[in-house]
Amino acid sequence: MSELEQQIKDAGADKAPRITPEHIKSKIVSESYINAGKAVTDSGEPFHDSLRLLTFCVLVLENGFTVTGESACASPKNFNEEIGRKIAYGNAIDKVWLLEGYLLKQNLHEQSQSQEMLKGFLDNDSCEGGACKL
């Protein structure tokens, strides 16, 4: 468990539905990396050398949706493929957090709306002949 996850638990901020790092990772079925310079070299087309400093991470989620992250190094002397991949992966993961956070919020909203509708239905005692109007 990460330090942040432990802080969340210690603060008691884990009592309601929430997104966790484990949840995010469980949604990913595939991860791929593309160096833009290598990709363009393979195509045989001319390109700017700066593309060698650009790395993409492509995450495929369990529903088939793809999420991308990228990293770009300003100086060729500082380029490190492993670090570029870590940064690109982190940027892609951040996007998955946003998507999953939205989905959780939408689901909670819909549950709340359903409960309100049900409450209104139960509070309405104007049923006629055994048939209640919704």
Protein backbone atom coordinates (compact mmCIF):
# COMPACT_ATOMS: atom_id res chain seq x y z
CA MET A 1 0.00 0.00 0.00
CA SER A 2 1.34 3.41 -0.94
CA GLU A 3 1.97 6.12 1.62
CA LEU A 4 -0.95 8.13 0.24
CA GLU A 5 -3.33 5.16 0.45
CA GLN A 6 -2.25 4.64 4.06
CA GLN A 7 -2.92 8.31 4.83
CA ILE A 8 -6.39 7.98 3.30
CA LYS A 9 -7.12 4.94 5.48
CA ASP A 10 -5.68 6.59 8.62
CA ALA A 11 -7.83 9.68 8.00
CA GLY A 12 -10.95 7.55 7.60
CA ALA A 13 -11.42 8.89 4.09
CA ASP A 14 -12.11 5.44 2.67
CA LYS A 15 -15.65 4.88 3.95
CA ALA A 16 -17.55 5.75 0.76
CA PRO A 17 -17.09 4.41 -2.75
CA ARG A 18 -13.80 5.60 -4.22
CA ILE A 19 -11.26 4.80 -6.87
CA THR A 20 -8.07 3.06 -5.73
CA PRO A 21 -4.76 2.39 -7.47
CA GLU A 22 -5.69 -1.30 -7.53
CA HIS A 23 -8.96 -0.47 -9.27
CA ILE A 24 -7.14 1.58 -11.91
CA LYS A 25 -4.63 -1.19 -12.58
CA SER A 26 -7.42 -3.77 -12.80
CA LYS A 27 -8.94 -1.88 -15.74
CA ILE A 28 -5.78 -2.13 -17.88
CA VAL A 29 -5.48 -5.18 -20.11
CA SER A 30 -2.55 -4.04 -22.24
CA GLU A 31 0.21 -1.44 -22.29
CA SER A 32 2.39 -0.59 -25.27
CA TYR A 33 5.13 1.94 -25.89
CA ILE A 34 6.01 3.74 -29.07
CA ASN A 35 9.06 5.89 -29.72
CA ALA A 36 7.94 8.38 -32.36
CA GLY A 37 11.37 8.47 -34.01
CA LYS A 38 11.53 4.69 -34.36
CA ALA A 39 7.95 4.55 -35.64
CA VAL A 40 8.63 7.13 -38.34
CA THR A 41 11.97 5.52 -39.24
CA ASP A 42 10.16 2.24 -39.80
CA SER A 43 7.78 4.02 -42.17
CA GLY A 44 10.67 5.21 -44.32
CA GLU A 45 9.46 8.82 -44.29
CA PRO A 46 11.74 11.74 -43.42
CA PHE A 47 11.33 13.20 -39.93
CA HIS A 48 12.78 15.69 -37.47
CA ASP A 49 15.32 14.27 -35.01
CA SER A 50 13.25 15.58 -32.09
CA LEU A 51 10.79 12.75 -32.69
CA ARG A 52 13.42 10.39 -31.23
CA LEU A 53 12.81 12.14 -27.89
CA LEU A 54 9.04 11.54 -27.90
CA THR A 55 7.58 8.44 -26.23
CA PHE A 56 3.96 7.35 -26.20
CA CYS A 57 2.29 4.90 -23.85
CA VAL A 58 -0.93 3.30 -25.04
CA LEU A 59 -3.11 1.62 -22.42
CA VAL A 60 -5.98 -0.58 -23.53
CA LEU A 61 -8.75 -0.77 -20.95
CA GLU A 62 -10.94 -3.80 -20.33
CA ASN A 63 -13.73 -2.39 -22.49
CA GLY A 64 -11.35 -1.81 -25.41
CA PHE A 65 -11.03 1.96 -24.92
CA THR A 66 -7.49 3.27 -25.45
CA VAL A 67 -5.79 5.91 -23.34
CA THR A 68 -2.50 7.55 -24.25
CA GLY A 69 0.24 9.29 -22.34
CA GLU A 70 3.35 10.92 -23.67
CA SER A 71 6.74 12.18 -22.63
CA ALA A 72 9.08 14.47 -24.51
CA CYS A 73 12.66 15.21 -23.59
CA ALA A 74 14.00 18.70 -24.33
CA SER A 75 17.64 17.68 -24.73
CA PRO A 76 18.89 14.62 -26.62
CA LYS A 77 21.70 14.28 -24.05
CA ASN A 78 19.12 13.70 -21.32
CA PHE A 79 16.96 11.20 -23.19
CA ASN A 80 16.51 7.90 -21.39
CA GLU A 81 14.06 5.41 -22.85
CA GLU A 82 13.13 3.84 -19.50
CA ILE A 83 12.45 7.20 -17.86
CA GLY A 84 10.47 8.34 -20.91
CA ARG A 85 8.30 5.23 -20.64
CA LYS A 86 7.68 5.80 -16.92
CA ILE A 87 6.63 9.39 -17.52
CA ALA A 88 4.40 8.46 -20.47
CA TYR A 89 2.82 5.65 -18.42
CA GLY A 90 2.18 8.04 -15.50
CA ASN A 91 0.52 10.53 -17.83
CA ALA A 92 -1.70 7.79 -19.30
CA ILE A 93 -2.62 6.54 -15.80
CA ASP A 94 -3.64 10.08 -14.82
CA LYS A 95 -6.15 10.03 -17.68
CA VAL A 96 -7.55 6.67 -16.52
CA TRP A 97 -8.05 8.19 -13.04
CA LEU A 98 -10.09 11.01 -14.60
CA LEU A 99 -12.23 8.60 -16.61
CA GLU A 100 -12.85 6.25 -13.69
CA GLY A 101 -13.52 9.17 -11.33
CA TYR A 102 -16.12 10.54 -13.72
CA LEU A 103 -17.72 7.12 -14.08
CA LEU A 104 -17.92 6.66 -10.30
CA LYS A 105 -19.44 10.12 -9.84
CA GLN A 106 -21.99 9.45 -12.60
CA ASN A 107 -22.95 6.10 -11.05
CA LEU A 108 -23.38 7.71 -7.61
CA HIS A 109 -25.50 10.46 -9.16
CA GLU A 110 -27.72 7.93 -10.94
CA GLN A 111 -28.12 5.90 -7.73
CA SER A 112 -29.14 9.06 -5.88
CA GLN A 113 -31.67 9.95 -8.59
CA SER A 114 -33.11 6.42 -8.48
CA GLN A 115 -33.44 6.57 -4.70
CA GLU A 116 -35.21 9.92 -4.90
CA MET A 117 -37.62 8.59 -7.52
CA LEU A 118 -38.30 5.48 -5.44
CA LYS A 119 -38.82 7.59 -2.32
CA GLY A 120 -41.32 9.76 -4.19
CA PHE A 121 -43.11 6.67 -5.42
CA LEU A 122 -43.30 5.14 -1.94
CA ASP A 123 -44.46 8.42 -0.42
CA ASN A 124 -47.23 8.71 -3.02
CA ASP A 125 -50.22 6.85 -1.65
CA SER A 126 -52.59 7.79 -4.46
CA CYS A 127 -52.85 4.34 -5.92
CA GLU A 128 -56.15 3.71 -7.63
CA GLY A 129 -57.61 0.22 -7.70
CA GLY A 130 -54.28 -1.42 -6.92
CA ALA A 131 -52.48 0.40 -9.74
CA CYS A 132 -50.01 3.10 -8.81
CA LYS A 133 -48.90 5.80 -11.22
CA LEU A 134 -45.19 6.40 -11.64
